[in-house]
Amino acid sequence: MFTARKSRLALIGGIGLAASLVLAGCASSNPLDTPTEDGGESAGSDTIVIGSQAYYSNEIIAEIYAQALENAGFDVKKEFNIGQRDAYMPDLESGAIDLFPEYTGNLLEFYDDAADVTSPEDVYAALQDALPEGLTALDYAEASDQDTYTVTKEFAEANNLTTIADLANLSEKATIGGAPEFEQRPYGPAGAKELYNVDLAFSATGDTTLEALLAGEIQVADIYSADPAFETEEIVALEDPKNLILASNVVPIASSDVADEIADVINGVSAALGADDLVALGVQSTVDEKSPEDIAKQWLTDNDLL
């Protein structure tokens, strides 16, 4: 989901001069540096390079980071829409990217798929231990983008459902829908049975999970917590007091070289980024069709960060 890296090649006449320039070019450690019209580089040593996934929610968060840092006087370069973790993590680890909005649980699984923690605090602590040298996890936000056990508000009210545990009180066995792989996840139906004594059937609804829930074809749905549907539809995520589901809070991952320098600004953003904010920001993007720049500026203004 990310843009390809740009390469540099200096072409100057004269064998001796050319050799020295080629050696100097090889010494550069930042493949994201690109030449400007006057021959300089667009991202200098004092520039904070911020990356993002090619996903509207992640790009908005990255834009929020960028505008907050610019407002604090930092020079910023944006390298948005890069790709999946396999594509951007090497650049983050090498220092070519200085700052990236990530998600605690998903990133922990990337580095340590044997980790068995699930709560926000435990996942964050494990992630700090799992990160390679040179990367620092700044403060995580309350906002998250993770699996949920979601029902319609009508179904919740009719059956007095507040938590996942309440599903055990249903008079008939309910069916949960989701991507095919959800059935085998630790927080899938088997996990709900073990932790909450909830007996659920499973339906592989894939991309039509929300539609199946709204149509009554399933009673419970695995829907990501930042989905705009939580604002546009009459649905509600059941609470998970025992932390069955792997927490995946928004977390800024920074190069350790700049982490202390930017921490005050970025941690301030994390402190303000609440549980409902990602849903609202997503609605502005997908429904209202506002640009990431405008969405970020309004959010920062509303939270007194600009």
C-alpha atoms as a PDB file:
ATOM      1  CA  MET A   1       0.000   0.000   0.000  1.00  0.00           C
ATOM      2  CA  PHE A   2       3.011   2.290   0.010  1.00  0.00           C
ATOM      3  CA  THR A   3       4.721   4.264  -2.726  1.00  0.00           C
ATOM      4  CA  ALA A   4       7.912   2.868  -4.197  1.00  0.00           C
ATOM      5  CA  ARG A   5      11.259   4.152  -2.983  1.00  0.00           C
ATOM      6  CA  LYS A   6      12.971   6.775  -5.156  1.00  0.00           C
ATOM      7  CA  SER A   7      16.630   6.253  -6.052  1.00  0.00           C
ATOM      8  CA  ARG A   8      19.363   8.830  -6.662  1.00  0.00           C
ATOM      9  CA  LEU A   9      22.173   8.906  -9.209  1.00  0.00           C
ATOM     10  CA  ALA A  10      24.606  11.783  -9.596  1.00  0.00           C
ATOM     11  CA  LEU A  11      25.906  12.322 -13.129  1.00  0.00           C
ATOM     12  CA  ILE A  12      28.768  14.801 -13.409  1.00  0.00           C
ATOM     13  CA  GLY A  13      31.604  14.966 -15.927  1.00  0.00           C
ATOM     14  CA  GLY A  14      35.135  14.189 -14.822  1.00  0.00           C
ATOM     15  CA  ILE A  15      36.274  10.810 -13.602  1.00  0.00           C
ATOM     16  CA  GLY A  16      37.652  11.977 -10.243  1.00  0.00           C
ATOM     17  CA  LEU A  17      34.662  14.179  -9.426  1.00  0.00           C
ATOM     18  CA  ALA A  18      32.208  11.512 -10.519  1.00  0.00           C
ATOM     19  CA  ALA A  19      33.871   8.892  -8.326  1.00  0.00           C
ATOM     20  CA  SER A  20      33.716  11.089  -5.255  1.00  0.00           C
ATOM     21  CA  LEU A  21      30.075  11.895  -5.839  1.00  0.00           C
ATOM     22  CA  VAL A  22      29.170   8.228  -6.318  1.00  0.00           C
ATOM     23  CA  LEU A  23      30.903   7.350  -3.054  1.00  0.00           C
ATOM     24  CA  ALA A  24      29.080  10.146  -1.282  1.00  0.00           C
ATOM     25  CA  GLY A  25      25.782   8.878  -2.707  1.00  0.00           C
ATOM     26  CA  CYS A  26      26.490   5.353  -1.456  1.00  0.00           C
ATOM     27  CA  ALA A  27      27.091   6.726   2.030  1.00  0.00           C
ATOM     28  CA  SER A  28      23.505   7.999   2.294  1.00  0.00           C
ATOM     29  CA  SER A  29      21.444   5.805   4.605  1.00  0.00           C
ATOM     30  CA  ASN A  30      18.016   7.240   3.754  1.00  0.00           C
ATOM     31  CA  PRO A  31      16.403   5.846   0.576  1.00  0.00           C
ATOM     32  CA  LEU A  32      13.492   8.244   1.071  1.00  0.00           C
ATOM     33  CA  ASP A  33      15.693  11.305   0.352  1.00  0.00           C
ATOM     34  CA  THR A  34      14.832  12.784  -3.043  1.00  0.00           C
ATOM     35  CA  PRO A  35      16.619  15.531  -4.970  1.00  0.00           C
ATOM     36  CA  THR A  36      15.145  19.009  -5.077  1.00  0.00           C
ATOM     37  CA  GLU A  37      15.387  21.296  -8.089  1.00  0.00           C
ATOM     38  CA  ASP A  38      18.518  22.989  -6.728  1.00  0.00           C
ATOM     39  CA  GLY A  39      20.275  19.634  -6.252  1.00  0.00           C
ATOM     40  CA  GLY A  40      19.667  19.373  -2.512  1.00  0.00           C
ATOM     41  CA  GLU A  41      17.632  16.783  -0.662  1.00  0.00           C
ATOM     42  CA  SER A  42      14.016  17.251   0.368  1.00  0.00           C
ATOM     43  CA  ALA A  43      14.457  15.522   3.730  1.00  0.00           C
ATOM     44  CA  GLY A  44      17.463  16.825   5.635  1.00  0.00           C
ATOM     45  CA  SER A  45      18.860  15.494   8.877  1.00  0.00           C
ATOM     46  CA  ASP A  46      16.464  17.701  10.872  1.00  0.00           C
ATOM     47  CA  THR A  47      13.381  16.624   8.908  1.00  0.00           C
ATOM     48  CA  ILE A  48      10.894  14.181  10.450  1.00  0.00           C
ATOM     49  CA  VAL A  49       9.810  11.673   7.791  1.00  0.00           C
ATOM     50  CA  ILE A  50       6.333  10.327   8.524  1.00  0.00           C
ATOM     51  CA  GLY A  51       4.887   7.265   6.808  1.00  0.00           C
ATOM     52  CA  SER A  52       1.431   5.759   6.562  1.00  0.00           C
ATOM     53  CA  GLN A  53      -0.363   2.729   5.238  1.00  0.00           C
ATOM     54  CA  ALA A  54      -2.538   3.125   2.160  1.00  0.00           C
ATOM     55  CA  TYR A  55      -5.623   3.036   4.343  1.00  0.00           C
ATOM     56  CA  TYR A  56      -7.705   6.132   4.971  1.00  0.00           C
ATOM     57  CA  SER A  57      -7.813   5.804   8.756  1.00  0.00           C
ATOM     58  CA  ASN A  58      -4.064   5.299   9.075  1.00  0.00           C
ATOM     59  CA  GLU A  59      -3.307   8.132   6.660  1.00  0.00           C
ATOM     60  CA  ILE A  60      -5.496  10.517   8.674  1.00  0.00           C
ATOM     61  CA  ILE A  61      -3.586   9.680  11.853  1.00  0.00           C
ATOM     62  CA  ALA A  62      -0.283  10.215  10.046  1.00  0.00           C
ATOM     63  CA  GLU A  63      -1.570  13.569   8.792  1.00  0.00           C
ATOM     64  CA  ILE A  64      -2.522  14.508  12.348  1.00  0.00           C
ATOM     65  CA  TYR A  65       1.031  13.704  13.460  1.00  0.00           C
ATOM     66  CA  ALA A  66       2.444  15.755  10.588  1.00  0.00           C
ATOM     67  CA  GLN A  67       0.362  18.861  11.240  1.00  0.00           C
ATOM     68  CA  ALA A  68       0.962  18.687  14.993  1.00  0.00           C
ATOM     69  CA  LEU A  69       4.717  18.514  14.468  1.00  0.00           C
ATOM     70  CA  GLU A  70       4.678  21.302  11.878  1.00  0.00           C
ATOM     71  CA  ASN A  71       2.716  23.452  14.303  1.00  0.00           C
ATOM     72  CA  ALA A  72       5.444  22.797  16.885  1.00  0.00           C
ATOM     73  CA  GLY A  73       8.111  24.023  14.477  1.00  0.00           C
ATOM     74  CA  PHE A  74       9.400  20.750  13.023  1.00  0.00           C
ATOM     75  CA  ASP A  75      10.188  20.245   9.357  1.00  0.00           C
ATOM     76  CA  VAL A  76       8.123  17.324   8.115  1.00  0.00           C
ATOM     77  CA  LYS A  77       8.192  15.132   5.032  1.00  0.00           C
ATOM     78  CA  LYS A  78       5.215  12.877   4.281  1.00  0.00           C
ATOM     79  CA  GLU A  79       5.695   9.416   2.776  1.00  0.00           C
ATOM     80  CA  PHE A  80       2.112   8.177   2.854  1.00  0.00           C
ATOM     81  CA  ASN A  81       0.411   5.206   1.186  1.00  0.00           C
ATOM     82  CA  ILE A  82       3.444   2.930   1.273  1.00  0.00           C
ATOM     83  CA  GLY A  83       2.169  -0.653   1.693  1.00  0.00           C
ATOM     84  CA  GLN A  84       1.871  -3.575   4.087  1.00  0.00           C
ATOM     85  CA  ARG A  85       4.200  -4.087   7.062  1.00  0.00           C
ATOM     86  CA  ASP A  86       6.595  -6.187   5.024  1.00  0.00           C
ATOM     87  CA  ALA A  87       7.051  -3.164   2.765  1.00  0.00           C
ATOM     88  CA  TYR A  88       7.427  -0.340   5.266  1.00  0.00           C
ATOM     89  CA  MET A  89       8.971  -1.919   8.353  1.00  0.00           C
ATOM     90  CA  PRO A  90      12.453  -2.185   6.776  1.00  0.00           C
ATOM     91  CA  ASP A  91      12.394   1.574   6.119  1.00  0.00           C
ATOM     92  CA  LEU A  92      11.188   2.265   9.645  1.00  0.00           C
ATOM     93  CA  GLU A  93      13.847  -0.007  11.146  1.00  0.00           C
ATOM     94  CA  SER A  94      16.601   1.546   9.030  1.00  0.00           C
ATOM     95  CA  GLY A  95      15.651   5.100   9.988  1.00  0.00           C
ATOM     96  CA  ALA A  96      14.491   6.061   6.504  1.00  0.00           C
ATOM     97  CA  ILE A  97      11.093   6.698   8.101  1.00  0.00           C
ATOM     98  CA  ASP A  98      11.109   8.438  11.493  1.00  0.00           C
ATOM     99  CA  LEU A  99       7.495   8.082  12.598  1.00  0.00           C
ATOM    100  CA  PHE A 100       4.608   5.772  11.756  1.00  0.00           C
ATOM    101  CA  PRO A 101       1.109   5.257  13.231  1.00  0.00           C
ATOM    102  CA  GLU A 102       0.785   1.595  14.163  1.00  0.00           C
ATOM    103  CA  TYR A 103      -1.480  -0.709  16.179  1.00  0.00           C
ATOM    104  CA  THR A 104      -0.177  -2.421  19.310  1.00  0.00           C
ATOM    105  CA  GLY A 105      -1.644  -5.914  18.944  1.00  0.00           C
ATOM    106  CA  ASN A 106      -1.108  -6.295  15.230  1.00  0.00           C
ATOM    107  CA  LEU A 107       2.469  -5.043  15.434  1.00  0.00           C
ATOM    108  CA  LEU A 108       3.205  -7.318  18.395  1.00  0.00           C
ATOM    109  CA  GLU A 109       2.027 -10.295  16.339  1.00  0.00           C
ATOM    110  CA  PHE A 110       4.322  -9.140  13.510  1.00  0.00           C
ATOM    111  CA  TYR A 111       7.358  -9.338  15.801  1.00  0.00           C
ATOM    112  CA  ASP A 112       6.249 -12.077  18.199  1.00  0.00           C
ATOM    113  CA  ASP A 113       3.420 -14.316  17.041  1.00  0.00           C
ATOM    114  CA  ALA A 114       3.807 -16.450  20.169  1.00  0.00           C
ATOM    115  CA  ALA A 115       2.836 -13.626  22.536  1.00  0.00           C
ATOM    116  CA  ASP A 116      -0.241 -14.576  24.579  1.00  0.00           C
ATOM    117  CA  VAL A 117      -1.150 -11.215  26.132  1.00  0.00           C
ATOM    118  CA  THR A 118      -4.377  -9.421  25.190  1.00  0.00           C
ATOM    119  CA  SER A 119      -5.068  -6.433  27.462  1.00  0.00           C
ATOM    120  CA  PRO A 120      -4.034  -2.945  26.276  1.00  0.00           C
ATOM    121  CA  GLU A 121      -1.426  -2.536  29.024  1.00  0.00           C
ATOM    122  CA  ASP A 122       0.089  -6.000  28.634  1.00  0.00           C
ATOM    123  CA  VAL A 123       0.183  -5.821  24.840  1.00  0.00           C
ATOM    124  CA  TYR A 124       1.924  -2.442  24.979  1.00  0.00           C
ATOM    125  CA  ALA A 125       4.505  -3.723  27.459  1.00  0.00           C
ATOM    126  CA  ALA A 126       5.180  -6.808  25.338  1.00  0.00           C
ATOM    127  CA  LEU A 127       5.477  -4.674  22.219  1.00  0.00           C
ATOM    128  CA  GLN A 128       8.102  -2.468  23.851  1.00  0.00           C
ATOM    129  CA  ASP A 129      10.151  -5.598  24.562  1.00  0.00           C
ATOM    130  CA  ALA A 130       9.617  -7.006  21.074  1.00  0.00           C
ATOM    131  CA  LEU A 131      10.582  -3.918  19.069  1.00  0.00           C
ATOM    132  CA  PRO A 132      14.020  -4.107  17.453  1.00  0.00           C
ATOM    133  CA  GLU A 133      16.812  -1.834  18.573  1.00  0.00           C
ATOM    134  CA  GLY A 134      16.414   1.637  17.129  1.00  0.00           C
ATOM    135  CA  LEU A 135      12.613   1.804  17.421  1.00  0.00           C
ATOM    136  CA  THR A 136      10.609   3.320  20.267  1.00  0.00           C
ATOM    137  CA  ALA A 137       6.909   2.997  21.021  1.00  0.00           C
ATOM    138  CA  LEU A 138       5.554   6.338  22.220  1.00  0.00           C
ATOM    139  CA  ASP A 139       2.353   6.525  24.298  1.00  0.00           C
ATOM    140  CA  TYR A 140      -0.535   4.487  22.905  1.00  0.00           C
ATOM    141  CA  ALA A 141      -3.965   6.037  22.425  1.00  0.00           C
ATOM    142  CA  GLU A 142      -7.329   4.923  23.763  1.00  0.00           C
ATOM    143  CA  ALA A 143      -8.393   4.710  20.125  1.00  0.00           C
ATOM    144  CA  SER A 144      -8.082   1.239  18.618  1.00  0.00           C
ATOM    145  CA  ASP A 145      -8.831  -0.659  15.450  1.00  0.00           C
ATOM    146  CA  GLN A 146      -9.448  -4.239  16.524  1.00  0.00           C
ATOM    147  CA  ASP A 147     -11.911  -7.098  16.275  1.00  0.00           C
ATOM    148  CA  THR A 148     -15.212  -6.828  18.120  1.00  0.00           C
ATOM    149  CA  TYR A 149     -18.232  -8.959  18.905  1.00  0.00           C
ATOM    150  CA  THR A 150     -20.883  -6.652  17.481  1.00  0.00           C
ATOM    151  CA  VAL A 151     -24.691  -6.921  17.457  1.00  0.00           C
ATOM    152  CA  THR A 152     -27.488  -4.663  16.294  1.00  0.00           C
ATOM    153  CA  LYS A 153     -28.774  -2.243  18.921  1.00  0.00           C
ATOM    154  CA  GLU A 154     -32.213  -3.804  18.538  1.00  0.00           C
ATOM    155  CA  PHE A 155     -30.855  -7.286  19.296  1.00  0.00           C
ATOM    156  CA  ALA A 156     -28.847  -5.965  22.252  1.00  0.00           C
ATOM    157  CA  GLU A 157     -31.864  -4.246  23.785  1.00  0.00           C
ATOM    158  CA  ALA A 158     -34.175  -7.202  23.203  1.00  0.00           C
ATOM    159  CA  ASN A 159     -31.765  -9.601  24.901  1.00  0.00           C
ATOM    160  CA  ASN A 160     -30.185  -7.359  27.544  1.00  0.00           C
ATOM    161  CA  LEU A 161     -26.746  -7.666  25.976  1.00  0.00           C
ATOM    162  CA  THR A 162     -23.920  -5.490  27.244  1.00  0.00           C
ATOM    163  CA  THR A 163     -20.882  -7.788  27.329  1.00  0.00           C
ATOM    164  CA  ILE A 164     -19.752 -10.839  25.386  1.00  0.00           C
ATOM    165  CA  ALA A 165     -20.588 -12.922  28.467  1.00  0.00           C
ATOM    166  CA  ASP A 166     -24.262 -11.963  28.117  1.00  0.00           C
ATOM    167  CA  LEU A 167     -24.469 -14.009  24.915  1.00  0.00           C
ATOM    168  CA  ALA A 168     -24.493 -17.113  27.129  1.00  0.00           C
ATOM    169  CA  ASN A 169     -27.984 -16.135  28.308  1.00  0.00           C
ATOM    170  CA  LEU A 170     -29.592 -16.268  24.858  1.00  0.00           C
ATOM    171  CA  SER A 171     -32.438 -18.763  24.540  1.00  0.00           C
ATOM    172  CA  GLU A 172     -31.110 -19.971  21.188  1.00  0.00           C
ATOM    173  CA  LYS A 173     -27.572 -20.473  19.900  1.00  0.00           C
ATOM    174  CA  ALA A 174     -26.370 -17.404  18.049  1.00  0.00           C
ATOM    175  CA  THR A 175     -24.187 -17.319  14.943  1.00  0.00           C
ATOM    176  CA  ILE A 176     -21.186 -15.046  14.612  1.00  0.00           C
ATOM    177  CA  GLY A 177     -19.993 -14.028  11.165  1.00  0.00           C
ATOM    178  CA  GLY A 178     -16.595 -12.875  10.006  1.00  0.00           C
ATOM    179  CA  ALA A 179     -13.673 -13.574   7.727  1.00  0.00           C
ATOM    180  CA  PRO A 180     -12.959 -17.316   7.349  1.00  0.00           C
ATOM    181  CA  GLU A 181      -9.766 -17.073   9.425  1.00  0.00           C
ATOM    182  CA  PHE A 182     -11.661 -15.576  12.378  1.00  0.00           C
ATOM    183  CA  GLU A 183     -12.973 -19.012  13.310  1.00  0.00           C
ATOM    184  CA  GLN A 184      -9.430 -20.183  14.116  1.00  0.00           C
ATOM    185  CA  ARG A 185      -8.254 -17.051  15.921  1.00  0.00           C
ATOM    186  CA  PRO A 186      -7.703 -17.293  19.705  1.00  0.00           C
ATOM    187  CA  TYR A 187     -10.497 -14.757  20.150  1.00  0.00           C
ATOM    188  CA  GLY A 188     -12.882 -16.614  17.812  1.00  0.00           C
ATOM    189  CA  PRO A 189     -15.821 -18.827  18.854  1.00  0.00           C
ATOM    190  CA  ALA A 190     -13.617 -21.360  20.658  1.00  0.00           C
ATOM    191  CA  GLY A 191     -12.021 -18.573  22.698  1.00  0.00           C
ATOM    192  CA  ALA A 192     -15.434 -17.163  23.605  1.00  0.00           C
ATOM    193  CA  LYS A 193     -16.502 -20.614  24.771  1.00  0.00           C
ATOM    194  CA  GLU A 194     -13.404 -21.054  26.940  1.00  0.00           C
ATOM    195  CA  LEU A 195     -13.328 -17.582  28.494  1.00  0.00           C
ATOM    196  CA  TYR A 196     -17.023 -16.629  28.631  1.00  0.00           C
ATOM    197  CA  ASN A 197     -18.788 -20.007  28.301  1.00  0.00           C
ATOM    198  CA  VAL A 198     -20.548 -18.660  25.211  1.00  0.00           C
ATOM    199  CA  ASP A 199     -21.526 -21.259  22.608  1.00  0.00           C
ATOM    200  CA  LEU A 200     -21.584 -19.726  19.113  1.00  0.00           C
ATOM    201  CA  ALA A 201     -21.972 -21.111  15.614  1.00  0.00           C
ATOM    202  CA  PHE A 202     -19.769 -19.583  12.916  1.00  0.00           C
ATOM    203  CA  SER A 203     -20.518 -18.317   9.416  1.00  0.00           C
ATOM    204  CA  ALA A 204     -17.756 -17.244   7.013  1.00  0.00           C
ATOM    205  CA  THR A 205     -19.381 -14.034   5.798  1.00  0.00           C
ATOM    206  CA  GLY A 206     -16.174 -12.314   4.662  1.00  0.00           C
ATOM    207  CA  ASP A 207     -16.716  -8.921   3.057  1.00  0.00           C
ATOM    208  CA  THR A 208     -20.484  -9.134   3.582  1.00  0.00           C
ATOM    209  CA  THR A 209     -20.342  -9.447   7.383  1.00  0.00           C
ATOM    210  CA  LEU A 210     -22.000  -6.099   8.102  1.00  0.00           C
ATOM    211  CA  GLU A 211     -24.719  -6.705   5.535  1.00  0.00           C
ATOM    212  CA  ALA A 212     -25.380 -10.170   6.977  1.00  0.00           C
ATOM    213  CA  LEU A 213     -25.726  -8.706  10.464  1.00  0.00           C
ATOM    214  CA  LEU A 214     -28.109  -5.975   9.374  1.00  0.00           C
ATOM    215  CA  ALA A 215     -30.182  -8.488   7.407  1.00  0.00           C
ATOM    216  CA  GLY A 216     -30.496 -10.783  10.426  1.00  0.00           C
ATOM    217  CA  GLU A 217     -28.628 -13.645   8.728  1.00  0.00           C
ATOM    218  CA  ILE A 218     -26.209 -13.685  11.680  1.00  0.00           C
ATOM    219  CA  GLN A 219     -26.728 -12.357  15.189  1.00  0.00           C
ATOM    220  CA  VAL A 220     -23.109 -11.382  16.011  1.00  0.00           C
ATOM    221  CA  ALA A 221     -20.452  -9.939  13.733  1.00  0.00           C
ATOM    222  CA  ASP A 222     -16.701  -9.514  13.849  1.00  0.00           C
ATOM    223  CA  ILE A 223     -16.349  -5.874  12.808  1.00  0.00           C
ATOM    224  CA  TYR A 224     -13.297  -3.703  13.368  1.00  0.00           C
ATOM    225  CA  SER A 225     -13.843  -1.145  16.090  1.00  0.00           C
ATOM    226  CA  ALA A 226     -12.943   1.841  13.888  1.00  0.00           C
ATOM    227  CA  ASP A 227     -15.457   0.972  11.177  1.00  0.00           C
ATOM    228  CA  PRO A 228     -17.602   4.014  10.208  1.00  0.00           C
ATOM    229  CA  ALA A 229     -20.640   1.736  10.468  1.00  0.00           C
ATOM    230  CA  PHE A 230     -20.579   2.249  14.243  1.00  0.00           C
ATOM    231  CA  GLU A 231     -21.745   5.784  13.529  1.00  0.00           C
ATOM    232  CA  THR A 232     -23.799   5.263  10.380  1.00  0.00           C
ATOM    233  CA  GLU A 233     -25.673   2.083  11.410  1.00  0.00           C
ATOM    234  CA  GLU A 234     -27.590   0.944  14.504  1.00  0.00           C
ATOM    235  CA  ILE A 235     -24.937  -1.446  15.809  1.00  0.00           C
ATOM    236  CA  VAL A 236     -22.987  -1.767  19.052  1.00  0.00           C
ATOM    237  CA  ALA A 237     -19.807  -3.592  20.078  1.00  0.00           C
ATOM    238  CA  LEU A 238     -20.220  -5.784  23.149  1.00  0.00           C
ATOM    239  CA  GLU A 239     -17.827  -5.066  26.015  1.00  0.00           C
ATOM    240  CA  ASP A 240     -14.961  -7.482  26.572  1.00  0.00           C
ATOM    241  CA  PRO A 241     -14.097  -7.210  30.305  1.00  0.00           C
ATOM    242  CA  LYS A 242     -11.868 -10.305  30.310  1.00  0.00           C
ATOM    243  CA  ASN A 243      -9.866  -9.145  27.285  1.00  0.00           C
ATOM    244  CA  LEU A 244     -10.671 -12.056  25.003  1.00  0.00           C
ATOM    245  CA  ILE A 245      -9.835  -9.921  21.985  1.00  0.00           C
ATOM    246  CA  LEU A 246      -6.269  -8.839  21.289  1.00  0.00           C
ATOM    247  CA  ALA A 247      -6.015  -5.106  22.007  1.00  0.00           C
ATOM    248  CA  SER A 248      -4.784  -3.101  19.041  1.00  0.00           C
ATOM    249  CA  ASN A 249      -4.501   0.499  20.171  1.00  0.00           C
ATOM    250  CA  VAL A 250      -3.098   3.213  17.948  1.00  0.00           C
ATOM    251  CA  VAL A 251       0.573   3.642  18.835  1.00  0.00           C
ATOM    252  CA  PRO A 252       3.198   5.950  17.301  1.00  0.00           C
ATOM    253  CA  ILE A 253       6.369   4.040  16.439  1.00  0.00           C
ATOM    254  CA  ALA A 254       9.355   6.362  16.203  1.00  0.00           C
ATOM    255  CA  SER A 255      13.017   6.122  15.383  1.00  0.00           C
ATOM    256  CA  SER A 256      14.839   6.176  18.711  1.00  0.00           C
ATOM    257  CA  ASP A 257      17.033   8.959  17.317  1.00  0.00           C
ATOM    258  CA  VAL A 258      14.078  11.374  17.292  1.00  0.00           C
ATOM    259  CA  ALA A 259      11.702   9.815  19.832  1.00  0.00           C
ATOM    260  CA  ASP A 260      12.635  12.080  22.744  1.00  0.00           C
ATOM    261  CA  GLU A 261      12.541  15.143  20.519  1.00  0.00           C
ATOM    262  CA  ILE A 262       8.990  14.581  19.266  1.00  0.00           C
ATOM    263  CA  ALA A 263       7.524  12.782  22.288  1.00  0.00           C
ATOM    264  CA  ASP A 264       5.763  15.759  23.876  1.00  0.00           C
ATOM    265  CA  VAL A 265       3.914  16.621  20.669  1.00  0.00           C
ATOM    266  CA  ILE A 266       2.985  13.100  19.593  1.00  0.00           C
ATOM    267  CA  ASN A 267       2.096  11.879  23.084  1.00  0.00           C
ATOM    268  CA  GLY A 268      -0.243  14.860  23.304  1.00  0.00           C
ATOM    269  CA  VAL A 269      -1.999  13.614  20.182  1.00  0.00           C
ATOM    270  CA  SER A 270      -2.276  10.096  21.620  1.00  0.00           C
ATOM    271  CA  ALA A 271      -3.730  11.424  24.863  1.00  0.00           C
ATOM    272  CA  ALA A 272      -6.515  13.142  22.932  1.00  0.00           C
ATOM    273  CA  LEU A 273      -7.276  10.359  20.428  1.00  0.00           C
ATOM    274  CA  GLY A 274     -10.288   8.672  22.007  1.00  0.00           C
ATOM    275  CA  ALA A 275     -12.186   5.462  21.377  1.00  0.00           C
ATOM    276  CA  ASP A 276     -14.848   7.098  19.205  1.00  0.00           C
ATOM    277  CA  ASP A 277     -12.512   9.384  17.278  1.00  0.00           C
ATOM    278  CA  LEU A 278     -11.394   6.875  14.643  1.00  0.00           C
ATOM    279  CA  VAL A 279     -15.009   6.112  13.802  1.00  0.00           C
ATOM    280  CA  ALA A 280     -15.858   9.804  13.418  1.00  0.00           C
ATOM    281  CA  LEU A 281     -12.725  10.471  11.373  1.00  0.00           C
ATOM    282  CA  GLY A 282     -13.594   7.530   9.145  1.00  0.00           C
ATOM    283  CA  VAL A 283     -17.089   8.881   8.527  1.00  0.00           C
ATOM    284  CA  GLN A 284     -15.634  12.222   7.478  1.00  0.00           C
ATOM    285  CA  SER A 285     -13.423  10.394   4.995  1.00  0.00           C
ATOM    286  CA  THR A 286     -15.753   7.743   3.561  1.00  0.00           C
ATOM    287  CA  VAL A 287     -19.136   9.468   3.858  1.00  0.00           C
ATOM    288  CA  ASP A 288     -18.368  13.190   3.822  1.00  0.00           C
ATOM    289  CA  GLU A 289     -15.426  12.643   1.432  1.00  0.00           C
ATOM    290  CA  LYS A 290     -13.195  15.214   3.121  1.00  0.00           C
ATOM    291  CA  SER A 291      -9.443  15.190   2.530  1.00  0.00           C
ATOM    292  CA  PRO A 292      -7.065  13.789   5.176  1.00  0.00           C
ATOM    293  CA  GLU A 293      -5.529  17.274   5.485  1.00  0.00           C
ATOM    294  CA  ASP A 294      -8.863  18.922   6.273  1.00  0.00           C
ATOM    295  CA  ILE A 295      -9.946  16.142   8.623  1.00  0.00           C
ATOM    296  CA  ALA A 296      -6.674  16.301  10.542  1.00  0.00           C
ATOM    297  CA  LYS A 297      -6.713  20.081  10.822  1.00  0.00           C
ATOM    298  CA  GLN A 298     -10.266  20.104  12.171  1.00  0.00           C
ATOM    299  CA  TRP A 299      -9.541  17.355  14.702  1.00  0.00           C
ATOM    300  CA  LEU A 300      -6.411  19.119  15.961  1.00  0.00           C
ATOM    301  CA  THR A 301      -8.321  22.397  16.205  1.00  0.00           C
ATOM    302  CA  ASP A 302     -11.225  20.782  18.065  1.00  0.00           C
ATOM    303  CA  ASN A 303      -8.767  19.285  20.561  1.00  0.00           C
ATOM    304  CA  ASP A 304      -6.816  22.533  21.075  1.00  0.00           C
ATOM    305  CA  LEU A 305      -3.686  21.071  19.526  1.00  0.00           C
ATOM    306  CA  LEU A 306      -3.329  23.729  16.835  1.00  0.00           C
END
